[in-house]
C-alpha atoms as a PDB file:
ATOM      1  CA  GLU A   1    -165.564-114.576 -60.776  1.00  0.00           C
ATOM      2  CA  THR A   2    -163.237-115.513 -57.938  1.00  0.00           C
ATOM      3  CA  VAL A   3    -160.419-118.022 -58.190  1.00  0.00           C
ATOM      4  CA  SER A   4    -158.082-119.462 -55.560  1.00  0.00           C
ATOM      5  CA  THR A   5    -154.308-119.387 -55.619  1.00  0.00           C
ATOM      6  CA  GLN A   6    -152.996-122.873 -54.875  1.00  0.00           C
ATOM      7  CA  SER A   7    -149.459-124.135 -54.928  1.00  0.00           C
ATOM      8  CA  THR A   8    -150.025-126.595 -57.780  1.00  0.00           C
ATOM      9  CA  GLY A   9    -148.783-125.691 -61.231  1.00  0.00           C
ATOM     10  CA  GLN A  10    -152.099-126.675 -62.786  1.00  0.00           C
ATOM     11  CA  ARG A  11    -154.073-124.163 -60.732  1.00  0.00           C
ATOM     12  CA  PHE A  12    -151.526-121.421 -61.401  1.00  0.00           C
ATOM     13  CA  LEU A  13    -151.645-122.030 -65.147  1.00  0.00           C
ATOM     14  CA  SER A  14    -155.434-121.941 -65.025  1.00  0.00           C
ATOM     15  CA  VAL A  15    -155.439-118.619 -63.165  1.00  0.00           C
ATOM     16  CA  PHE A  16    -152.837-117.112 -65.482  1.00  0.00           C
ATOM     17  CA  ASP A  17    -154.748-118.261 -68.552  1.00  0.00           C
ATOM     18  CA  GLN A  18    -157.941-116.676 -67.238  1.00  0.00           C
ATOM     19  CA  ILE A  19    -156.222-113.373 -66.454  1.00  0.00           C
ATOM     20  CA  PHE A  20    -154.400-113.293 -69.785  1.00  0.00           C
ATOM     21  CA  ASN A  21    -157.513-114.099 -71.790  1.00  0.00           C
ATOM     22  CA  THR A  22    -159.487-111.441 -69.924  1.00  0.00           C
ATOM     23  CA  ALA A  23    -157.019-108.795 -71.066  1.00  0.00           C
ATOM     24  CA  ASN A  24    -156.806-110.036 -74.661  1.00  0.00           C
ATOM     25  CA  THR A  25    -160.186-108.754 -75.815  1.00  0.00           C
ATOM     26  CA  SER A  26    -159.112-107.165 -79.118  1.00  0.00           C
ATOM     27  CA  SER A  27    -158.532-108.804 -82.499  1.00  0.00           C
ATOM     28  CA  PHE A  28    -155.228-110.502 -83.267  1.00  0.00           C
ATOM     29  CA  SER A  29    -154.151-107.808 -85.738  1.00  0.00           C
ATOM     30  CA  GLN A  30    -154.722-105.129 -83.108  1.00  0.00           C
ATOM     31  CA  ARG A  31    -153.036-107.135 -80.336  1.00  0.00           C
ATOM     32  CA  LYS A  32    -149.745-107.385 -82.232  1.00  0.00           C
ATOM     33  CA  SER A  33    -149.002-103.722 -81.467  1.00  0.00           C
ATOM     34  CA  MET A  34    -150.679-103.565 -78.062  1.00  0.00           C
ATOM     35  CA  PRO A  35    -148.756-104.246 -74.860  1.00  0.00           C
ATOM     36  CA  PHE A  36    -150.656-105.989 -72.084  1.00  0.00           C
ATOM     37  CA  GLY A  37    -150.452-105.792 -68.336  1.00  0.00           C
ATOM     38  CA  GLN A  38    -152.015-106.323 -64.931  1.00  0.00           C
ATOM     39  CA  LEU A  39    -152.904-103.780 -62.284  1.00  0.00           C
ATOM     40  CA  VAL A  40    -152.318-105.760 -59.081  1.00  0.00           C
ATOM     41  CA  ILE A  41    -154.469-104.311 -56.304  1.00  0.00           C
ATOM     42  CA  GLY A  42    -155.714-105.393 -52.889  1.00  0.00           C
ATOM     43  CA  PRO A  43    -155.603-104.434 -49.211  1.00  0.00           C
ATOM     44  CA  PRO A  44    -152.320-104.395 -47.255  1.00  0.00           C
ATOM     45  CA  GLY A  45    -150.904-107.861 -46.618  1.00  0.00           C
ATOM     46  CA  SER A  46    -152.975-109.563 -49.308  1.00  0.00           C
ATOM     47  CA  GLY A  47    -149.849-110.731 -51.163  1.00  0.00           C
ATOM     48  CA  LYS A  48    -149.538-108.286 -54.065  1.00  0.00           C
ATOM     49  CA  THR A  49    -145.747-108.144 -54.035  1.00  0.00           C
ATOM     50  CA  THR A  50    -145.460-111.921 -53.618  1.00  0.00           C
ATOM     51  CA  TYR A  51    -147.865-112.393 -56.525  1.00  0.00           C
ATOM     52  CA  CYS A  52    -145.802-110.076 -58.756  1.00  0.00           C
ATOM     53  CA  ASN A  53    -142.633-111.920 -57.807  1.00  0.00           C
ATOM     54  CA  GLY A  54    -144.145-115.320 -58.586  1.00  0.00           C
ATOM     55  CA  LEU A  55    -145.646-114.213 -61.880  1.00  0.00           C
ATOM     56  CA  GLN A  56    -142.366-112.587 -62.928  1.00  0.00           C
ATOM     57  CA  GLN A  57    -140.564-115.881 -62.322  1.00  0.00           C
ATOM     58  CA  PHE A  58    -143.247-117.752 -64.271  1.00  0.00           C
ATOM     59  CA  MET A  59    -143.019-115.385 -67.232  1.00  0.00           C
ATOM     60  CA  ASN A  60    -139.242-115.706 -67.271  1.00  0.00           C
ATOM     61  CA  ALA A  61    -139.586-119.491 -67.203  1.00  0.00           C
ATOM     62  CA  ILE A  62    -141.720-119.462 -70.362  1.00  0.00           C
ATOM     63  CA  ASN A  63    -139.347-116.946 -72.002  1.00  0.00           C
ATOM     64  CA  ARG A  64    -141.805-114.092 -72.111  1.00  0.00           C
ATOM     65  CA  LYS A  65    -140.581-110.540 -71.592  1.00  0.00           C
ATOM     66  CA  VAL A  66    -142.000-109.010 -68.428  1.00  0.00           C
ATOM     67  CA  ILE A  67    -141.363-105.992 -66.215  1.00  0.00           C
ATOM     68  CA  VAL A  68    -142.637-105.109 -62.767  1.00  0.00           C
ATOM     69  CA  GLU A  69    -143.374-101.499 -61.849  1.00  0.00           C
ATOM     70  CA  ASN A  70    -143.578-100.599 -58.181  1.00  0.00           C
ATOM     71  CA  LEU A  71    -146.246 -97.918 -57.705  1.00  0.00           C
ATOM     72  CA  ASP A  72    -146.122 -98.112 -53.909  1.00  0.00           C
ATOM     73  CA  PRO A  73    -143.753 -95.443 -52.511  1.00  0.00           C
ATOM     74  CA  ALA A  74    -143.831 -97.176 -49.117  1.00  0.00           C
ATOM     75  CA  ASN A  75    -142.705-100.531 -50.526  1.00  0.00           C
ATOM     76  CA  ASP A  76    -138.944-100.900 -50.191  1.00  0.00           C
ATOM     77  CA  THR A  77    -138.761-104.638 -49.491  1.00  0.00           C
ATOM     78  CA  TYR A  78    -139.950-106.159 -52.773  1.00  0.00           C
ATOM     79  CA  SER A  79    -138.343-109.450 -53.804  1.00  0.00           C
ATOM     80  CA  TYR A  80    -138.854-109.135 -57.566  1.00  0.00           C
ATOM     81  CA  ASN A  81    -136.576-107.418 -60.073  1.00  0.00           C
ATOM     82  CA  CYS A  82    -138.043-103.922 -60.163  1.00  0.00           C
ATOM     83  CA  ASP A  83    -137.671-102.190 -63.531  1.00  0.00           C
ATOM     84  CA  VAL A  84    -139.577 -99.001 -62.672  1.00  0.00           C
ATOM     85  CA  ASP A  85    -139.886 -97.659 -59.137  1.00  0.00           C
ATOM     86  CA  ILE A  86    -142.057 -94.710 -58.124  1.00  0.00           C
ATOM     87  CA  ARG A  87    -139.529 -93.946 -55.402  1.00  0.00           C
ATOM     88  CA  GLU A  88    -137.247 -92.650 -58.140  1.00  0.00           C
ATOM     89  CA  LEU A  89    -139.850 -89.920 -58.616  1.00  0.00           C
ATOM     90  CA  ILE A  90    -141.038 -89.307 -55.064  1.00  0.00           C
ATOM     91  CA  SER A  91    -140.335 -90.661 -51.582  1.00  0.00           C
ATOM     92  CA  ILE A  92    -142.959 -91.301 -48.922  1.00  0.00           C
ATOM     93  CA  GLU A  93    -140.510 -90.223 -46.231  1.00  0.00           C
ATOM     94  CA  GLU A  94    -139.950 -86.865 -47.936  1.00  0.00           C
ATOM     95  CA  ILE A  95    -143.689 -86.314 -48.303  1.00  0.00           C
ATOM     96  CA  MET A  96    -144.441 -87.091 -44.657  1.00  0.00           C
ATOM     97  CA  GLU A  97    -141.626 -84.856 -43.447  1.00  0.00           C
ATOM     98  CA  GLU A  98    -142.237 -81.900 -45.754  1.00  0.00           C
ATOM     99  CA  TYR A  99    -146.032 -81.822 -45.585  1.00  0.00           C
ATOM    100  CA  GLU A 100    -146.452 -83.296 -42.089  1.00  0.00           C
ATOM    101  CA  LEU A 101    -148.676 -86.115 -43.343  1.00  0.00           C
ATOM    102  CA  GLY A 102    -149.231 -89.584 -41.979  1.00  0.00           C
ATOM    103  CA  PRO A 103    -148.665 -92.799 -43.976  1.00  0.00           C
ATOM    104  CA  ASN A 104    -152.155 -92.804 -45.525  1.00  0.00           C
ATOM    105  CA  GLY A 105    -152.081 -89.125 -46.448  1.00  0.00           C
ATOM    106  CA  GLY A 106    -148.583 -89.569 -47.811  1.00  0.00           C
ATOM    107  CA  LEU A 107    -149.679 -92.398 -50.115  1.00  0.00           C
ATOM    108  CA  LEU A 108    -152.593 -90.374 -51.464  1.00  0.00           C
ATOM    109  CA  PHE A 109    -150.270 -87.434 -52.075  1.00  0.00           C
ATOM    110  CA  ALA A 110    -147.702 -89.657 -53.843  1.00  0.00           C
ATOM    111  CA  VAL A 111    -150.222 -91.230 -56.226  1.00  0.00           C
ATOM    112  CA  THR A 112    -151.715 -87.800 -56.969  1.00  0.00           C
ATOM    113  CA  TYR A 113    -148.198 -86.527 -57.663  1.00  0.00           C
ATOM    114  CA  LEU A 114    -147.638 -89.435 -60.063  1.00  0.00           C
ATOM    115  CA  LYS A 115    -150.872 -88.542 -61.841  1.00  0.00           C
ATOM    116  CA  GLU A 116    -149.671 -84.958 -62.296  1.00  0.00           C
ATOM    117  CA  ASN A 117    -146.319 -86.242 -63.579  1.00  0.00           C
ATOM    118  CA  ILE A 118    -147.675 -89.093 -65.660  1.00  0.00           C
ATOM    119  CA  SER A 119    -145.239 -88.268 -68.465  1.00  0.00           C
ATOM    120  CA  TRP A 120    -142.472 -89.699 -66.242  1.00  0.00           C
ATOM    121  CA  LEU A 121    -144.253 -93.068 -66.123  1.00  0.00           C
ATOM    122  CA  LEU A 122    -145.092 -93.091 -69.835  1.00  0.00           C
ATOM    123  CA  GLU A 123    -141.457 -92.424 -70.737  1.00  0.00           C
ATOM    124  CA  LYS A 124    -140.430 -95.385 -68.591  1.00  0.00           C
ATOM    125  CA  LEU A 125    -143.019 -97.589 -70.283  1.00  0.00           C
ATOM    126  CA  LEU A 126    -141.783 -96.651 -73.753  1.00  0.00           C
ATOM    127  CA  LYS A 127    -138.506 -98.434 -73.016  1.00  0.00           C
ATOM    128  CA  PHE A 128    -140.410-101.706 -72.509  1.00  0.00           C
ATOM    129  CA  LYS A 129    -142.992-101.508 -75.293  1.00  0.00           C
ATOM    130  CA  ASP A 130    -142.729-105.234 -76.084  1.00  0.00           C
ATOM    131  CA  HIS A 131    -142.942-106.385 -72.447  1.00  0.00           C
ATOM    132  CA  TYR A 132    -145.826-107.664 -70.343  1.00  0.00           C
ATOM    133  CA  VAL A 133    -146.289-105.161 -67.492  1.00  0.00           C
ATOM    134  CA  LEU A 134    -147.137-105.819 -63.849  1.00  0.00           C
ATOM    135  CA  PHE A 135    -148.104-102.783 -61.767  1.00  0.00           C
ATOM    136  CA  ASP A 136    -147.581-103.451 -58.047  1.00  0.00           C
ATOM    137  CA  CYS A 137    -150.005-100.965 -56.473  1.00  0.00           C
ATOM    138  CA  PRO A 138    -150.274 -99.573 -52.928  1.00  0.00           C
ATOM    139  CA  GLY A 139    -152.596-101.339 -50.506  1.00  0.00           C
ATOM    140  CA  GLN A 140    -154.659 -98.310 -49.512  1.00  0.00           C
ATOM    141  CA  VAL A 141    -158.250 -99.248 -50.342  1.00  0.00           C
ATOM    142  CA  GLU A 142    -159.343 -95.656 -51.014  1.00  0.00           C
ATOM    143  CA  LEU A 143    -157.050 -95.484 -54.032  1.00  0.00           C
ATOM    144  CA  TYR A 144    -158.996 -98.037 -56.060  1.00  0.00           C
ATOM    145  CA  THR A 145    -162.485 -97.553 -54.614  1.00  0.00           C
ATOM    146  CA  GLN A 146    -162.878 -93.775 -54.097  1.00  0.00           C
ATOM    147  CA  HIS A 147    -159.881 -91.594 -54.925  1.00  0.00           C
ATOM    148  CA  SER A 148    -159.646 -90.436 -58.539  1.00  0.00           C
ATOM    149  CA  ALA A 149    -155.846 -90.402 -58.978  1.00  0.00           C
ATOM    150  CA  LEU A 150    -155.288 -94.120 -59.709  1.00  0.00           C
ATOM    151  CA  HIS A 151    -158.341 -94.208 -61.993  1.00  0.00           C
ATOM    152  CA  ASP A 152    -156.959 -91.274 -63.996  1.00  0.00           C
ATOM    153  CA  ILE A 153    -153.515 -92.905 -64.218  1.00  0.00           C
ATOM    154  CA  VAL A 154    -155.102 -96.096 -65.550  1.00  0.00           C
ATOM    155  CA  GLN A 155    -157.110 -94.174 -68.147  1.00  0.00           C
ATOM    156  CA  THR A 156    -153.954 -92.409 -69.360  1.00  0.00           C
ATOM    157  CA  ILE A 157    -152.136 -95.735 -69.713  1.00  0.00           C
ATOM    158  CA  LEU A 158    -155.077 -97.169 -71.655  1.00  0.00           C
ATOM    159  CA  LYS A 159    -154.948 -94.201 -74.023  1.00  0.00           C
ATOM    160  CA  ALA A 160    -151.304 -95.125 -74.666  1.00  0.00           C
ATOM    161  CA  SER A 161    -152.659 -98.342 -76.292  1.00  0.00           C
ATOM    162  CA  TYR A 162    -152.116-100.632 -73.304  1.00  0.00           C
ATOM    163  CA  GLN A 163    -154.591-103.397 -72.511  1.00  0.00           C
ATOM    164  CA  LEU A 164    -154.913-103.857 -68.737  1.00  0.00           C
ATOM    165  CA  THR A 165    -156.663-106.245 -66.386  1.00  0.00           C
ATOM    166  CA  ALA A 166    -157.118-105.556 -62.678  1.00  0.00           C
ATOM    167  CA  VAL A 167    -156.123-108.471 -60.456  1.00  0.00           C
ATOM    168  CA  HIS A 168    -157.681-107.948 -57.032  1.00  0.00           C
ATOM    169  CA  LEU A 169    -156.075-110.067 -54.305  1.00  0.00           C
ATOM    170  CA  VAL A 170    -158.122-110.897 -51.219  1.00  0.00           C
ATOM    171  CA  ASP A 171    -156.643-112.755 -48.249  1.00  0.00           C
ATOM    172  CA  SER A 172    -158.465-116.082 -47.860  1.00  0.00           C
ATOM    173  CA  TYR A 173    -158.644-115.276 -44.137  1.00  0.00           C
ATOM    174  CA  TYR A 174    -161.758-113.238 -44.960  1.00  0.00           C
ATOM    175  CA  CYS A 175    -163.601-116.470 -45.695  1.00  0.00           C
ATOM    176  CA  SER A 176    -163.437-117.345 -41.997  1.00  0.00           C
ATOM    177  CA  SER A 177    -165.936-114.621 -41.113  1.00  0.00           C
ATOM    178  CA  ALA A 178    -169.262-113.908 -42.799  1.00  0.00           C
ATOM    179  CA  SER A 179    -169.007-110.153 -42.259  1.00  0.00           C
ATOM    180  CA  LEU A 180    -165.425-110.010 -43.528  1.00  0.00           C
ATOM    181  CA  TYR A 181    -166.347-112.067 -46.584  1.00  0.00           C
ATOM    182  CA  VAL A 182    -169.281-109.807 -47.473  1.00  0.00           C
ATOM    183  CA  SER A 183    -167.190-106.683 -46.962  1.00  0.00           C
ATOM    184  CA  SER A 184    -164.455-108.055 -49.224  1.00  0.00           C
ATOM    185  CA  ILE A 185    -167.036-108.757 -51.943  1.00  0.00           C
ATOM    186  CA  LEU A 186    -168.282-105.181 -51.714  1.00  0.00           C
ATOM    187  CA  VAL A 187    -164.724-103.836 -51.964  1.00  0.00           C
ATOM    188  CA  CYS A 188    -164.093-105.988 -55.052  1.00  0.00           C
ATOM    189  CA  LEU A 189    -167.275-104.709 -56.665  1.00  0.00           C
ATOM    190  CA  SER A 190    -166.455-101.113 -55.759  1.00  0.00           C
ATOM    191  CA  SER A 191    -162.957-101.339 -57.247  1.00  0.00           C
ATOM    192  CA  MET A 192    -164.320-102.932 -60.427  1.00  0.00           C
ATOM    193  CA  LEU A 193    -166.771-100.069 -60.909  1.00  0.00           C
ATOM    194  CA  HIS A 194    -164.285 -97.379 -59.935  1.00  0.00           C
ATOM    195  CA  LEU A 195    -161.365 -98.480 -62.119  1.00  0.00           C
ATOM    196  CA  SER A 196    -163.545 -99.534 -65.068  1.00  0.00           C
ATOM    197  CA  LEU A 197    -161.265-102.439 -65.958  1.00  0.00           C
ATOM    198  CA  PRO A 198    -161.810-106.158 -66.571  1.00  0.00           C
ATOM    199  CA  GLN A 199    -161.159-107.657 -63.148  1.00  0.00           C
ATOM    200  CA  VAL A 200    -160.212-111.053 -61.742  1.00  0.00           C
ATOM    201  CA  ASN A 201    -160.645-111.511 -57.987  1.00  0.00           C
ATOM    202  CA  VAL A 202    -158.135-113.904 -56.436  1.00  0.00           C
ATOM    203  CA  LEU A 203    -158.209-115.524 -53.003  1.00  0.00           C
ATOM    204  CA  SER A 204    -154.585-115.409 -51.892  1.00  0.00           C
ATOM    205  CA  LYS A 205    -152.700-117.331 -49.179  1.00  0.00           C
ATOM    206  CA  PHE A 206    -155.032-120.226 -49.821  1.00  0.00           C
ATOM    207  CA  ASP A 207    -152.491-122.740 -48.552  1.00  0.00           C
ATOM    208  CA  LEU A 208    -152.997-121.252 -45.068  1.00  0.00           C
ATOM    209  CA  ILE A 209    -156.786-121.585 -44.984  1.00  0.00           C
ATOM    210  CA  ALA A 210    -156.668-124.868 -43.050  1.00  0.00           C
ATOM    211  CA  GLN A 211    -154.752-123.167 -40.224  1.00  0.00           C
ATOM    212  CA  ARG A 212    -157.563-120.656 -39.711  1.00  0.00           C
ATOM    213  CA  GLY A 213    -160.249-123.068 -38.659  1.00  0.00           C
ATOM    214  CA  GLU A 214    -163.086-124.848 -40.391  1.00  0.00           C
ATOM    215  CA  LEU A 215    -165.118-122.814 -42.877  1.00  0.00           C
ATOM    216  CA  ALA A 216    -168.895-122.592 -42.620  1.00  0.00           C
ATOM    217  CA  PHE A 217    -169.269-123.832 -46.228  1.00  0.00           C
ATOM    218  CA  ASN A 218    -167.147-125.656 -48.757  1.00  0.00           C
ATOM    219  CA  ILE A 219    -164.669-123.547 -50.693  1.00  0.00           C
ATOM    220  CA  ASP A 220    -166.762-123.555 -53.890  1.00  0.00           C
ATOM    221  CA  TYR A 221    -169.344-121.445 -52.078  1.00  0.00           C
ATOM    222  CA  TYR A 222    -166.780-118.682 -51.513  1.00  0.00           C
ATOM    223  CA  LEU A 223    -165.171-118.979 -54.934  1.00  0.00           C
ATOM    224  CA  GLU A 224    -168.415-118.741 -56.858  1.00  0.00           C
ATOM    225  CA  VAL A 225    -170.010-116.182 -54.504  1.00  0.00           C
ATOM    226  CA  GLN A 226    -173.148-118.277 -54.212  1.00  0.00           C
ATOM    227  CA  ASP A 227    -176.423-117.261 -52.536  1.00  0.00           C
ATOM    228  CA  LEU A 228    -175.459-114.880 -49.732  1.00  0.00           C
ATOM    229  CA  LYS A 229    -178.714-115.584 -47.887  1.00  0.00           C
ATOM    230  CA  TYR A 230    -176.989-118.608 -46.359  1.00  0.00           C
ATOM    231  CA  LEU A 231    -174.737-116.166 -44.496  1.00  0.00           C
ATOM    232  CA  GLU A 232    -177.595-114.398 -42.689  1.00  0.00           C
ATOM    233  CA  GLN A 233    -177.441-116.702 -39.671  1.00  0.00           C
ATOM    234  CA  TYR A 234    -173.696-116.201 -39.281  1.00  0.00           C
ATOM    235  CA  LEU A 235    -174.002-112.433 -39.751  1.00  0.00           C
ATOM    236  CA  ASP A 236    -176.637-112.305 -37.012  1.00  0.00           C
ATOM    237  CA  GLU A 237    -174.430-114.341 -34.685  1.00  0.00           C
ATOM    238  CA  GLU A 238    -171.421-112.095 -35.316  1.00  0.00           C
ATOM    239  CA  ALA A 239    -173.537-108.969 -34.814  1.00  0.00           C
ATOM    240  CA  HIS A 240    -174.879-110.348 -31.529  1.00  0.00           C
ATOM    241  CA  VAL A 241    -171.391-111.089 -30.213  1.00  0.00           C
ATOM    242  CA  THR A 242    -170.064-107.707 -31.340  1.00  0.00           C
ATOM    243  CA  ASP A 243    -172.972-105.571 -30.181  1.00  0.00           C
ATOM    244  CA  PHE A 244    -173.916-107.344 -26.962  1.00  0.00           C
ATOM    245  CA  ASP A 245    -171.818-105.128 -24.725  1.00  0.00           C
ATOM    246  CA  SER A 246    -172.970-101.987 -26.541  1.00  0.00           C
ATOM    247  CA  GLU A 247    -176.712-102.718 -26.380  1.00  0.00           C
ATOM    248  CA  PRO A 248    -178.645-100.268 -24.149  1.00  0.00           C
ATOM    249  CA  ASP A 249    -180.371-103.095 -22.279  1.00  0.00           C
ATOM    250  CA  SER A 250    -177.109-104.828 -21.415  1.00  0.00           C
ATOM    251  CA  GLN A 251    -175.572-101.539 -20.292  1.00  0.00           C
ATOM    252  CA  GLU A 252    -178.539-100.823 -17.995  1.00  0.00           C
ATOM    253  CA  LYS A 253    -178.285-104.317 -16.537  1.00  0.00           C
ATOM    254  CA  LYS A 254    -174.616-103.760 -15.796  1.00  0.00           C
ATOM    255  CA  LYS A 255    -175.394-100.463 -14.063  1.00  0.00           C
ATOM    256  CA  GLU A 256    -178.114-102.096 -11.949  1.00  0.00           C
ATOM    257  CA  GLU A 257    -175.780-104.944 -10.995  1.00  0.00           C
ATOM    258  CA  LYS A 258    -173.097-102.439 -10.000  1.00  0.00           C
ATOM    259  CA  LYS A 259    -175.564-100.513  -7.826  1.00  0.00           C
ATOM    260  CA  GLU A 260    -176.716-103.715  -6.111  1.00  0.00           C
ATOM    261  CA  ILE A 261    -173.123-104.620  -5.308  1.00  0.00           C
ATOM    262  CA  GLU A 262    -172.456-101.145  -3.884  1.00  0.00           C
ATOM    263  CA  ILE A 263    -175.622-101.314  -1.719  1.00  0.00           C
ATOM    264  CA  LYS A 264    -174.647-104.751  -0.405  1.00  0.00           C
ATOM    265  CA  GLU A 265    -171.168-103.484   0.447  1.00  0.00           C
ATOM    266  CA  LYS A 266    -172.674-100.551   2.400  1.00  0.00           C
ATOM    267  CA  ASP A 267    -175.116-102.792   4.282  1.00  0.00           C
ATOM    268  CA  THR A 268    -172.464-105.325   5.164  1.00  0.00           C
ATOM    269  CA  PRO A 269    -170.959-104.408   8.590  1.00  0.00           C
ATOM    270  CA  THR A 270    -167.216-104.054   8.625  1.00  0.00           C
ATOM    271  CA  LYS A 271    -165.206-106.169  11.005  1.00  0.00           C
ATOM    272  CA  LYS A 272    -163.217-104.347  13.670  1.00  0.00           C
END
């Protein structure tokens, strides 16, 4: 199920209640000794850090203990109060310099290094056993759809009696294009299968949707992921626009037109 993030308090409370209830799947007697948390995932720029900051403020407002753990070694501009930071363990700059890796390779290395040193993270968590935990994850899609490191970290945390829900943020911009919307759905499904966690998919930056043009359907269509057959026409149109210049026929036509122009230029006498 997909929900939208709106600025109204009613919508936020509804989203929070859904996420919280998704995580609380055990009996009350079991829950008393089980800490809960959210694994906040999503592509770069989807609003993960902003979401963690807003939820931290909300939890503080209702007097509930909460901590935010930054698991992104490339994130040094977070606005929330960070209680546990992976950069205390490893630095992306050090990785890239020592192993001559790029940003993506450095992130994969850092998360793998955290997996191999998971005891460091568990010791940090022990200090906040009675707190609600927010994990601010890196934005590299491979980490939660293909790579095994984050999955293994999650499984270790679950074995430590934590109850987690994945909150997958998707920029509402993807609703403006049929192909982008379908691809985002597939990524959400892939991450759900890969991480093996209860998952809530959230359309973020929803207050900006009006600035991105009129949508093909009303917002309920995108929120409820209704019949995708209605997108076929728009997918065909996007494919036609994208592939027109790369089609063999269009390329041959361009070559023929170029030859005709060259022949005309040769046949046209030059003025002395």
